Every structure is written in structure tokens, then in C-alpha cells.
Amino acid sequence: MVSSIESSVGTERKVVTELPGPKSRALHERRKAVVSAGLTTGFPIYIERGEGAIVVDVDGNRILDLGSGIAVTTIGHAVPEVIEAVSAQVAAFTHTCFMVAPYESYVTVCEELAALTPGTHAKASALFNSGSEAVENAVKVARLATGREAIVVFDHAYHGRTNLTMALTAKNMPYKDRFGPFAPEIYRVAMSYPFRDGRSGADAAALAISEIETQVGAHNVAAVLIEPIQGEGGFIVPADGFLPALSEWTTKNGVVFIADEIQSGFCRTGEWFAVNHEGVIPDMVTTAKGLAGGMPLAALTGRAELMNAVHEGGLGGTYGGNPVACAAAVATIRTMRDRNLNARAREIGETILSSLRSLQQDVAIIGDVRGRGAMIAMELVQPGTKNPNATAAKSIVSYCNQQGVLALACGTYGNVIRLLPPLVITDEQLADGLSVLCAGVRAAG
């Protein structure tokens, strides 16, 4: 249990101006003149500093963060261990390019990844800047190692915004619309979505496998790529048995099983990785977001025989595994371990699930409450149906924001509210945030 802690920015949510405040509005006008309109902002408050689960905007409003920068600041804002590590590394050197003149912290991050990712087999990693890069390189490695081309992905998937990862991503707007043509040899099959399909994990896996075998052919498939809990698609937790059945099929058919743990990894679900909940051991794992405490770092970790099949120079990038980001990652992983944040994620999840499931009994627009650890969502519907209710989701997010609580929506249909609080959120802060959220749901319902 985590209770109140001392903080230089304050531990309580406090709204002192209308939101956004005058300074944020002025900054937003400046932004309009120079920042691409293609970049949207859900809540145009401009942040000045943060600590723990609180961020402070330029107008002095203290905002409770229930999104963690989309699962990035998992260990909280301004964590002393990360500040110290990053400051020391910046003072030492900021860049050499690992392919030119290497450094220890890159190796240390890869050692940690080898130890933490599922399985006891020999592993190797390569570090990159973003989740999209990690996924794209996973596809490269799988195709090279297998000599095959087809990549299988799933309905509702999100894997990134580069050309290849847009092809892997399911949702058209806003991620793909009119940005094509996209990379070829990408095949999409049915995802296990218990709330909507009602299938068991075994039945859902059988359907997906049948689609692969009839539409693609197992002998053509280089990799099956899946988020163990889908992120942007709506925090969809597949039915028990779905992931193990897919993993078993890939092993039998010489297909690489890639777990995209970019949003679900690093203590977010109460385990180091979401696949751990069902004992699945992927051939490759992609990570980013929570890996480096807010610094840009991503990784591809895989079986050594796959990763080492790549020719010399086949993987890399100028900034990938930057020493400052690596220093942050080492400190972040150490902090997660020292503070037992997996256990804390499970506590947070129990609190949120209890609150939202109780609310579900009273509010007809809540169709489903789901998730693991501190990765929880509720899907909103038209009362008495399963028809998506994106209007309610938008209304709830707006209500929370106006009360000084950062909340996020997601989902293929835009009708899911997702909760990704920093794992250092106090019990008092979590109760406060849930009270605001529940009031917003009741108002929308």
C-alpha cells in the first residue's frame, strides 16, 4: 500500500484556473502558427513540471495523471533515481553512436532484457528509438531468419505509424487514412475479443489459425505479431488460452511468435510482461514506453539464433540505444525491482476493477470492464446494447480533464476509457481520481 508522500509540487489535485488556463491558451496560439495541424492534443494544457502522479501546468494547476504519457512514466514523473542517472550521463557524454564507439550502459540494458523477458533460452537484443522501430526490426529479423515473407496481425491491432507499421495497424483513421500504399505481405485475422465475440480462447484461436492456413498458408508465414493486451484497439484482453494456442501453432509450423509488449510491458499488468500471465514464451519481444522512465528508448529482444542470423550491419541506427536513454532504462528497471512495482500494479488494478465493476451495476452505458494490473479499461455502449458509445467516452474524458484529471480514450470505435496511472500513485490520489471518473461516467450515463 502506498500512502501520501512528501512532494515539491504537492500531492493533491488542485485546479486554480479554468482549464486550459490563460498561459496554456497563449501557448496554444503560438503552437498553431508553427506546429503541424496533423499533431492533435486531447487536453491543451502545457506542462511545466511533474512529480509522482502529479503534473503542474504553466498556470499552476496540479493535474492528476491517470495516463502516464500513454504508459511511459510507469514509475512516475521526476523519479530521483532516473534524474540522478540521466544527469550523470549527460555530464559524462551524450552520444557516440553504439555502432561507432560503444559503451557499457547499452550492454547493461541488453543484459537486463535477457534476464527479464520470458524464457531461459539464450537471447540477444538491439536497441532503437521508438516502438515502431522495434516492431519494424522484428519483422525484418523474422523474414530474414525464416526466409518467408508473410506477417500475420490481428483485428484492432496497433503497432505504429511508420509505413510498415501502419500496414500492421488495423485502424484507418487517424493512423492510415490516405497515407498508402503500404508495405505488402501483411495479413489480418480475427482477434479474441470476449466482450464482442463471446468465444472461448480455444475457439477464437481455432478461428484465427483457420484463417491463417486458408488465406495465407502456414509455410508462407514468417511471423505472428500480437499485442498480448491490445492497447490503442481498446485494452482488449484475449480469452484465456488464446495466446498459448497461437504460440503452440507457431512452434509447430516454424513461425516466429512476436509479442508486442510496448504498452503492456514493464510491470504495467502486474507482471514484467503481459504474456507471463499465461506462461507464453515468445520468440521475440518488442518493448518501449515504460522501459526508460520517459526517455526515448525501444528494444527488440529475441532468441539468440534469430537475432544473430542477421548479417553484420543489418540492424542499427544513429540514435538507437542513446547512452542517456540507456542510463535512464537501467535506473528505471532498478526502481521497478526495488519498489516491487509489479505488486503495486496488482493492488492498483484490484482497486480500479472493484470501483468500476460496482459502478457498472448502476450505469447502463458501461458494457465491459477489463484489464490486468494497472492497465484497466471500460467499454461504453448504448444502453441495452453492445453498440459503441463514443460520445459518452468523449464526454467523460472532457469532464475528467475539466476537473484536473488526465484521462484517455481509445478503441477501434473510440468508446473505451483506459486507465494507465503511474505505479507510484498514492492510495489517496487513486481514490480521488476514481471519484472524478465515476462522477463523469454517471453524468454521461
Protein backbone atom coordinates (compact mmCIF):
# COMPACT_ATOMS: atom_id res chain seq x y z
CA MET A 1 0.00 0.00 0.00
CA VAL A 2 1.27 3.44 -0.92
CA SER A 3 0.15 6.45 1.15
CA SER A 4 0.88 10.16 0.94
CA ILE A 5 4.48 11.17 0.26
CA GLU A 6 6.30 14.47 0.50
CA SER A 7 6.44 16.35 -2.79
CA SER A 8 7.89 19.60 -4.01
CA VAL A 9 4.91 20.10 -6.34
CA GLY A 10 2.20 18.89 -3.96
CA THR A 11 0.47 15.53 -3.89
CA GLU A 12 -3.12 16.71 -4.26
CA ARG A 13 -5.00 17.66 -7.40
CA LYS A 14 -5.70 21.39 -7.38
CA VAL A 15 -7.38 23.48 -10.09
CA VAL A 16 -6.69 27.20 -9.72
CA THR A 17 -7.79 28.50 -13.15
CA GLU A 18 -10.24 27.43 -15.79
CA LEU A 19 -8.74 24.64 -17.88
CA PRO A 20 -6.91 25.33 -20.06
CA GLY A 21 -5.72 28.43 -18.25
CA PRO A 22 -4.64 31.73 -19.80
CA LYS A 23 -0.96 30.83 -20.14
CA SER A 24 -1.80 27.50 -21.75
CA ARG A 25 -4.19 29.21 -24.15
CA ALA A 26 -1.49 31.70 -25.12
CA LEU A 27 0.96 28.87 -25.75
CA HIS A 28 -1.64 27.08 -27.82
CA GLU A 29 -2.00 30.12 -30.06
CA ARG A 30 1.79 30.14 -30.57
CA ARG A 31 1.65 26.43 -31.35
CA LYS A 32 -0.95 26.92 -34.08
CA ALA A 33 1.47 29.11 -36.03
CA VAL A 34 4.37 26.66 -36.12
CA VAL A 35 3.28 23.10 -35.26
CA SER A 36 1.71 20.84 -37.87
CA ALA A 37 -2.06 20.62 -37.60
CA GLY A 38 -1.62 16.87 -38.06
CA LEU A 39 -0.50 16.69 -34.44
CA THR A 40 -3.54 16.83 -32.20
CA THR A 41 -3.75 17.36 -28.45
CA GLY A 42 -6.59 15.98 -26.39
CA PHE A 43 -6.12 18.35 -23.47
CA PRO A 44 -4.22 21.56 -24.38
CA ILE A 45 -2.71 22.34 -21.00
CA TYR A 46 1.00 22.98 -21.21
CA ILE A 47 3.02 21.14 -18.59
CA GLU A 48 5.84 22.81 -16.70
CA ARG A 49 6.91 20.13 -14.23
CA GLY A 50 5.76 16.93 -12.58
CA GLU A 51 6.40 14.57 -9.73
CA GLY A 52 4.98 11.15 -8.99
CA ALA A 53 1.42 11.11 -10.32
CA ILE A 54 1.01 14.91 -10.44
CA VAL A 55 1.86 17.24 -13.32
CA VAL A 56 1.74 21.01 -12.99
CA ASP A 57 0.80 23.23 -15.90
CA VAL A 58 2.11 26.70 -16.72
CA ASP A 59 -0.88 28.25 -14.92
CA GLY A 60 -0.10 26.44 -11.67
CA ASN A 61 -2.85 23.82 -11.89
CA ARG A 62 -1.95 20.49 -10.32
CA ILE A 63 -3.28 17.73 -12.57
CA LEU A 64 -3.64 14.08 -11.54
CA ASP A 65 -2.17 11.92 -14.29
CA LEU A 66 -4.06 8.69 -14.99
CA GLY A 67 -2.39 8.15 -18.36
CA SER A 68 1.37 8.17 -17.67
CA GLY A 69 2.04 9.71 -21.08
CA ILE A 70 0.42 6.59 -22.58
CA ALA A 71 2.16 4.08 -20.29
CA VAL A 72 5.57 5.77 -20.46
CA THR A 73 6.07 7.27 -17.00
CA THR A 74 5.18 3.99 -15.32
CA ILE A 75 7.49 4.73 -12.39
CA GLY A 76 6.15 8.28 -12.10
CA HIS A 77 7.36 11.74 -13.02
CA ALA A 78 10.72 13.10 -11.84
CA VAL A 79 11.89 9.91 -10.14
CA PRO A 80 15.09 10.71 -8.20
CA GLU A 81 16.92 7.59 -9.36
CA VAL A 82 16.30 8.45 -13.02
CA ILE A 83 17.16 12.12 -12.53
CA GLU A 84 20.48 11.15 -10.96
CA ALA A 85 21.32 8.61 -13.66
CA VAL A 86 20.42 10.90 -16.55
CA SER A 87 22.23 13.89 -15.05
CA ALA A 88 25.40 11.89 -14.53
CA GLN A 89 25.30 10.52 -18.08
CA VAL A 90 24.69 13.94 -19.64
CA ALA A 91 27.68 15.26 -17.73
CA ALA A 92 29.83 12.35 -18.98
CA PHE A 93 28.82 12.19 -22.68
CA THR A 94 25.56 12.32 -24.59
CA HIS A 95 26.32 10.40 -27.78
CA THR A 96 28.90 8.41 -29.67
CA CYS A 97 26.63 6.05 -31.66
CA PHE A 98 26.90 2.49 -30.40
CA MET A 99 27.95 1.32 -33.88
CA VAL A 100 30.92 3.69 -33.82
CA ALA A 101 32.18 3.71 -30.24
CA PRO A 102 30.15 1.53 -27.83
CA TYR A 103 29.52 1.98 -24.10
CA GLU A 104 28.61 -0.15 -21.11
CA SER A 105 25.06 1.04 -20.46
CA TYR A 106 23.83 -0.37 -23.79
CA VAL A 107 25.21 -3.77 -22.82
CA THR A 108 23.68 -3.49 -19.34
CA VAL A 109 20.21 -2.78 -20.78
CA CYS A 110 20.52 -5.83 -23.03
CA GLU A 111 21.59 -7.96 -20.06
CA GLU A 112 18.54 -6.81 -18.13
CA LEU A 113 16.28 -7.58 -21.09
CA ALA A 114 17.75 -11.05 -21.43
CA ALA A 115 17.08 -11.70 -17.75
CA LEU A 116 13.57 -10.22 -17.61
CA THR A 117 11.91 -11.34 -20.85
CA PRO A 118 10.20 -14.74 -20.69
CA GLY A 119 12.17 -17.94 -21.17
CA THR A 120 15.55 -19.26 -20.13
CA HIS A 121 16.92 -19.62 -23.67
CA ALA A 122 19.88 -17.56 -24.91
CA LYS A 123 18.73 -14.10 -26.02
CA ALA A 124 20.10 -11.06 -27.79
CA SER A 125 18.74 -7.53 -28.15
CA ALA A 126 19.02 -4.47 -30.33
CA LEU A 127 18.00 -1.01 -29.11
CA PHE A 128 16.09 1.64 -31.03
CA ASN A 129 14.30 4.96 -30.53
CA SER A 130 10.62 4.09 -30.74
CA GLY A 131 8.18 1.23 -30.55
CA SER A 132 7.53 1.46 -34.28
CA GLU A 133 11.23 0.90 -34.96
CA ALA A 134 11.33 -2.10 -32.65
CA VAL A 135 8.34 -3.67 -34.41
CA GLU A 136 9.71 -2.92 -37.86
CA ASN A 137 13.02 -4.55 -36.97
CA ALA A 138 11.22 -7.57 -35.52
CA VAL A 139 9.60 -8.07 -38.93
CA LYS A 140 12.98 -7.70 -40.64
CA VAL A 141 14.59 -10.31 -38.40
CA ALA A 142 11.70 -12.76 -38.72
CA ARG A 143 11.70 -12.55 -42.50
CA LEU A 144 15.44 -12.96 -42.77
CA ALA A 145 15.64 -15.83 -40.27
CA THR A 146 12.75 -17.82 -41.77
CA GLY A 147 13.18 -16.98 -45.45
CA ARG A 148 9.44 -16.26 -45.57
CA GLU A 149 7.56 -13.01 -46.18
CA ALA A 150 4.03 -13.11 -44.76
CA ILE A 151 3.33 -11.37 -41.44
CA VAL A 152 0.10 -12.14 -39.59
CA VAL A 153 -1.51 -9.46 -37.41
CA PHE A 154 -4.92 -9.08 -35.78
CA ASP A 155 -8.10 -7.07 -35.85
CA HIS A 156 -7.93 -3.98 -33.60
CA ALA A 157 -4.12 -4.07 -33.55
CA TYR A 158 -1.90 -1.03 -33.22
CA HIS A 159 1.82 -1.36 -33.98
CA GLY A 160 2.97 2.11 -35.06
CA ARG A 161 2.96 4.93 -37.60
CA THR A 162 5.85 4.17 -39.99
CA ASN A 163 4.93 2.82 -43.40
CA LEU A 164 5.40 -0.83 -42.42
CA THR A 165 3.80 -0.45 -39.01
CA MET A 166 0.84 1.43 -40.48
CA ALA A 167 0.26 -1.68 -42.58
CA LEU A 168 0.37 -3.74 -39.40
CA THR A 169 -2.04 -1.39 -37.60
CA ALA A 170 -5.75 -2.09 -38.06
CA LYS A 171 -7.49 1.25 -37.59
CA ASN A 172 -7.69 3.53 -40.60
CA MET A 173 -8.50 6.93 -39.07
CA PRO A 174 -6.38 8.69 -37.99
CA TYR A 175 -3.41 6.36 -38.38
CA LYS A 176 -3.55 5.25 -42.02
CA ASP A 177 -6.06 7.31 -43.96
CA ARG A 178 -4.64 8.29 -47.40
CA PHE A 179 -1.05 7.56 -46.33
CA GLY A 180 -0.67 4.49 -48.56
CA PRO A 181 0.38 2.50 -50.43
CA PHE A 182 1.50 0.31 -47.56
CA ALA A 183 4.02 -2.49 -47.23
CA PRO A 184 2.87 -5.78 -48.74
CA GLU A 185 2.55 -9.31 -47.36
CA ILE A 186 0.59 -8.26 -44.25
CA TYR A 187 -2.42 -10.45 -43.40
CA ARG A 188 -5.05 -9.67 -40.75
CA VAL A 189 -7.07 -12.29 -38.87
CA ALA A 190 -9.67 -12.32 -36.10
CA MET A 191 -8.68 -11.30 -32.59
CA SER A 192 -10.14 -12.79 -29.43
CA TYR A 193 -12.49 -10.07 -28.15
CA PRO A 194 -14.53 -11.73 -25.40
CA PHE A 195 -16.99 -8.88 -24.90
CA ARG A 196 -17.94 -8.84 -28.57
CA ASP A 197 -17.37 -12.37 -29.90
CA GLY A 198 -18.25 -14.46 -26.84
CA ARG A 199 -15.78 -17.17 -27.90
CA SER A 200 -13.54 -19.18 -25.64
CA GLY A 201 -9.82 -18.75 -26.10
CA ALA A 202 -9.59 -22.12 -27.80
CA ASP A 203 -12.40 -21.35 -30.24
CA ALA A 204 -11.05 -17.89 -31.04
CA ALA A 205 -7.59 -19.35 -31.66
CA ALA A 206 -9.03 -22.06 -33.89
CA LEU A 207 -10.77 -19.41 -35.99
CA ALA A 208 -7.61 -17.29 -36.31
CA ILE A 209 -5.48 -20.32 -37.20
CA SER A 210 -8.03 -21.47 -39.77
CA GLU A 211 -7.92 -18.04 -41.39
CA ILE A 212 -4.12 -18.13 -41.48
CA GLU A 213 -3.97 -21.60 -43.00
CA THR A 214 -6.66 -20.99 -45.61
CA GLN A 215 -5.81 -17.42 -46.58
CA VAL A 216 -2.02 -17.38 -46.23
CA GLY A 217 -0.66 -20.89 -45.77
CA ALA A 218 1.45 -21.76 -42.74
CA HIS A 219 4.53 -22.39 -44.88
CA ASN A 220 4.44 -18.77 -46.08
CA VAL A 221 4.23 -17.15 -42.64
CA ALA A 222 7.37 -15.59 -41.21
CA ALA A 223 5.78 -14.30 -38.01
CA VAL A 224 2.63 -13.89 -36.00
CA LEU A 225 2.71 -10.46 -34.33
CA ILE A 226 0.33 -9.73 -31.46
CA GLU A 227 -0.19 -7.42 -28.51
CA PRO A 228 -0.89 -9.71 -25.53
CA ILE A 229 -3.28 -7.00 -24.37
CA GLN A 230 -4.22 -4.69 -27.20
CA GLY A 231 -3.54 -1.04 -26.47
CA GLU A 232 -5.00 1.53 -28.86
CA GLY A 233 -7.51 -1.08 -30.01
CA GLY A 234 -9.29 -0.90 -26.67
CA PHE A 235 -7.30 -2.72 -23.96
CA ILE A 236 -8.70 -5.98 -25.29
CA VAL A 237 -7.65 -8.92 -23.11
CA PRO A 238 -7.94 -12.11 -25.16
CA ALA A 239 -9.81 -15.03 -23.65
CA ASP A 240 -7.70 -17.45 -21.61
CA GLY A 241 -6.00 -19.98 -23.84
CA PHE A 242 -5.94 -17.83 -26.98
CA LEU A 243 -2.29 -16.80 -26.72
CA PRO A 244 -0.98 -20.27 -25.71
CA ALA A 245 -2.81 -21.87 -28.64
CA LEU A 246 -1.31 -19.39 -31.10
CA SER A 247 2.13 -19.88 -29.60
CA GLU A 248 1.83 -23.65 -29.90
CA TRP A 249 0.76 -23.34 -33.54
CA THR A 250 3.71 -21.09 -34.41
CA THR A 251 6.16 -23.51 -32.81
CA LYS A 252 4.75 -26.44 -34.77
CA ASN A 253 4.94 -24.52 -38.05
CA GLY A 254 8.32 -22.82 -37.74
CA VAL A 255 6.69 -19.39 -37.42
CA VAL A 256 8.21 -16.66 -35.24
CA PHE A 257 5.90 -15.58 -32.40
CA ILE A 258 6.39 -11.87 -31.69
CA ALA A 259 4.84 -10.30 -28.59
CA ASP A 260 4.38 -6.55 -28.91
CA GLU A 261 4.73 -5.54 -25.24
CA ILE A 262 5.31 -1.87 -25.96
CA GLN A 263 2.30 -0.70 -23.94
CA SER A 264 1.78 -3.74 -21.70
CA GLY A 265 5.38 -4.42 -20.64
CA PHE A 266 7.47 -3.43 -17.62
CA CYS A 267 5.18 -4.00 -14.64
CA ARG A 268 2.14 -2.40 -16.25
CA THR A 269 -0.07 -5.50 -15.89
CA GLY A 270 1.36 -6.71 -12.59
CA GLU A 271 3.96 -8.87 -14.31
CA TRP A 272 7.12 -7.83 -16.11
CA PHE A 273 5.33 -8.75 -19.34
CA ALA A 274 1.69 -9.45 -20.11
CA VAL A 275 2.45 -12.84 -21.71
CA ASN A 276 3.64 -14.02 -18.29
CA HIS A 277 0.02 -14.24 -17.12
CA GLU A 278 -0.46 -17.31 -19.31
CA GLY A 279 3.09 -18.65 -19.34
CA VAL A 280 3.65 -17.86 -23.02
CA ILE A 281 7.29 -17.66 -24.14
CA PRO A 282 7.58 -15.57 -27.32
CA ASP A 283 10.41 -15.94 -29.81
CA MET A 284 10.77 -12.14 -29.88
CA VAL A 285 9.52 -9.32 -27.67
CA THR A 286 9.27 -5.63 -28.59
CA THR A 287 9.41 -3.06 -25.80
CA ALA A 288 9.48 0.73 -25.42
CA LYS A 289 7.26 3.15 -23.42
CA GLY A 290 7.82 2.13 -19.78
CA LEU A 291 11.35 0.89 -20.43
CA ALA A 292 13.24 4.13 -19.78
CA GLY A 293 11.16 6.29 -17.46
CA GLY A 294 10.27 8.87 -20.12
CA MET A 295 13.44 8.84 -22.20
CA PRO A 296 13.08 7.61 -25.81
CA LEU A 297 14.24 4.01 -25.94
CA ALA A 298 12.88 0.83 -27.51
CA ALA A 299 14.17 -2.71 -27.76
CA LEU A 300 13.83 -5.88 -29.73
CA THR A 301 14.77 -8.95 -27.71
CA GLY A 302 14.71 -12.40 -29.22
CA ARG A 303 16.11 -15.87 -29.35
CA ALA A 304 19.83 -15.58 -29.97
CA GLU A 305 19.69 -17.78 -33.06
CA LEU A 306 17.14 -15.40 -34.63
CA MET A 307 18.79 -12.14 -33.66
CA ASN A 308 22.25 -13.39 -34.61
CA ALA A 309 21.09 -14.63 -38.00
CA VAL A 310 21.21 -11.03 -39.22
CA HIS A 311 24.27 -10.07 -41.25
CA GLU A 312 26.71 -7.56 -39.80
CA GLY A 313 25.36 -4.03 -40.12
CA GLY A 314 21.81 -5.25 -40.78
CA LEU A 315 20.48 -3.67 -37.60
CA GLY A 316 21.22 -0.26 -36.16
CA GLY A 317 20.53 3.45 -36.27
CA THR A 318 22.31 6.64 -35.29
CA TYR A 319 20.44 7.30 -32.05
CA GLY A 320 19.28 3.81 -31.13
CA GLY A 321 20.37 2.95 -27.60
CA ASN A 322 21.49 6.50 -26.87
CA PRO A 323 23.63 6.50 -23.69
CA VAL A 324 21.36 8.93 -21.83
CA ALA A 325 18.30 6.81 -22.57
CA CYS A 326 20.20 3.64 -21.61
CA ALA A 327 21.21 5.18 -18.28
CA ALA A 328 17.56 6.02 -17.68
CA ALA A 329 16.49 2.47 -18.52
CA VAL A 330 18.98 0.91 -16.12
CA ALA A 331 17.71 3.20 -13.34
CA THR A 332 14.07 2.59 -14.29
CA ILE A 333 14.39 -1.19 -14.19
CA ARG A 334 16.24 -0.99 -10.88
CA THR A 335 13.49 1.24 -9.45
CA MET A 336 10.77 -1.15 -10.61
CA ARG A 337 12.57 -4.02 -8.95
CA ASP A 338 13.46 -2.20 -5.73
CA ARG A 339 9.94 -0.83 -5.23
CA ASN A 340 8.25 -4.09 -6.28
CA LEU A 341 6.07 -2.24 -8.74
CA ASN A 342 4.57 -5.45 -10.09
CA ALA A 343 2.88 -5.94 -6.74
CA ARG A 344 1.80 -2.30 -6.70
CA ALA A 345 0.29 -2.65 -10.18
CA ARG A 346 -1.79 -5.56 -8.95
CA GLU A 347 -3.01 -3.51 -5.97
CA ILE A 348 -3.95 -0.63 -8.24
CA GLY A 349 -5.78 -2.98 -10.58
CA GLU A 350 -7.82 -4.52 -7.79
CA THR A 351 -8.89 -1.07 -6.59
CA ILE A 352 -9.85 0.16 -10.07
CA LEU A 353 -11.67 -3.02 -11.08
CA SER A 354 -13.66 -3.04 -7.84
CA SER A 355 -14.68 0.58 -8.30
CA LEU A 356 -15.63 0.31 -11.97
CA ARG A 357 -17.48 -3.01 -11.61
CA SER A 358 -19.51 -1.55 -8.78
CA LEU A 359 -20.29 1.45 -10.96
CA GLN A 360 -21.24 -0.85 -13.83
CA GLN A 361 -24.14 -2.17 -11.78
CA ASP A 362 -25.68 1.30 -11.69
CA VAL A 363 -24.76 2.85 -15.05
CA ALA A 364 -26.14 1.26 -18.21
CA ILE A 365 -23.54 2.73 -20.57
CA ILE A 366 -20.73 0.56 -19.16
CA GLY A 367 -20.72 -2.57 -21.31
CA ASP A 368 -17.47 -4.12 -20.12
CA VAL A 369 -14.75 -3.59 -17.53
CA ARG A 370 -11.49 -5.37 -18.25
CA GLY A 371 -7.74 -5.37 -17.91
CA ARG A 372 -4.84 -6.60 -15.83
CA GLY A 373 -2.83 -4.79 -13.20
CA ALA A 374 -2.72 -1.04 -13.78
CA MET A 375 -3.90 -1.43 -17.38
CA ILE A 376 -7.67 -1.21 -16.99
CA ALA A 377 -10.45 -0.06 -19.30
CA MET A 378 -14.19 0.25 -19.52
CA GLU A 379 -16.03 -0.04 -22.81
CA LEU A 380 -19.00 2.26 -23.23
CA VAL A 381 -22.13 1.25 -25.12
CA GLN A 382 -25.60 2.46 -25.93
CA PRO A 383 -27.77 1.26 -23.02
CA GLY A 384 -29.18 -2.21 -23.52
CA THR A 385 -26.93 -2.95 -26.49
CA LYS A 386 -23.32 -3.52 -27.41
CA ASN A 387 -23.36 -0.63 -29.87
CA PRO A 388 -20.30 1.57 -29.29
CA ASN A 389 -20.88 4.86 -27.46
CA ALA A 390 -18.01 7.12 -28.48
CA THR A 391 -20.00 10.20 -27.48
CA ALA A 392 -20.04 9.09 -23.86
CA ALA A 393 -16.32 8.38 -23.91
CA LYS A 394 -15.58 11.85 -25.24
CA SER A 395 -17.86 13.41 -22.63
CA ILE A 396 -16.22 11.52 -19.76
CA VAL A 397 -12.69 12.44 -20.85
CA SER A 398 -13.73 16.08 -21.13
CA TYR A 399 -15.33 16.03 -17.68
CA CYS A 400 -12.23 14.48 -16.09
CA ASN A 401 -9.94 16.96 -17.80
CA GLN A 402 -12.00 19.91 -16.60
CA GLN A 403 -11.71 18.59 -13.06
CA GLY A 404 -7.93 18.32 -13.34
CA VAL A 405 -7.64 14.61 -14.09
CA LEU A 406 -5.82 13.42 -17.21
CA ALA A 407 -7.84 10.59 -18.72
CA LEU A 408 -7.50 8.85 -22.08
CA ALA A 409 -9.86 7.26 -24.57
CA CYS A 410 -9.01 4.54 -27.08
CA GLY A 411 -10.59 1.70 -29.01
CA THR A 412 -11.36 0.86 -32.59
CA TYR A 413 -14.72 2.57 -32.10
CA GLY A 414 -13.43 5.38 -29.85
CA ASN A 415 -15.65 4.14 -27.00
CA VAL A 416 -13.14 2.91 -24.42
CA ILE A 417 -11.77 4.78 -21.41
CA ARG A 418 -8.32 3.48 -20.46
CA LEU A 419 -6.55 3.92 -17.16
CA LEU A 420 -2.75 3.82 -17.01
CA PRO A 421 -1.79 5.52 -13.74
CA PRO A 422 1.83 5.79 -12.65
CA LEU A 423 2.56 2.88 -10.35
CA VAL A 424 3.71 5.28 -7.64
CA ILE A 425 0.27 6.85 -7.41
CA THR A 426 -0.80 7.02 -3.77
CA ASP A 427 -3.94 5.39 -2.45
CA GLU A 428 -5.37 8.84 -1.77
CA GLN A 429 -4.61 10.06 -5.28
CA LEU A 430 -6.11 6.95 -6.85
CA ALA A 431 -9.30 7.30 -4.79
CA ASP A 432 -9.53 10.95 -5.81
CA GLY A 433 -9.06 10.17 -9.49
CA LEU A 434 -11.63 7.39 -9.41
CA SER A 435 -14.17 9.64 -7.69
CA VAL A 436 -13.83 12.16 -10.51
CA LEU A 437 -14.00 9.45 -13.18
CA CYS A 438 -17.08 7.85 -11.63
CA ALA A 439 -18.82 11.22 -11.42
CA GLY A 440 -18.04 11.77 -15.09
CA VAL A 441 -19.47 8.37 -16.01
CA ARG A 442 -22.64 8.98 -14.02
CA ALA A 443 -23.09 12.35 -15.71
CA ALA A 444 -22.64 10.80 -19.16
CA GLY A 445 -24.90 7.87 -18.34
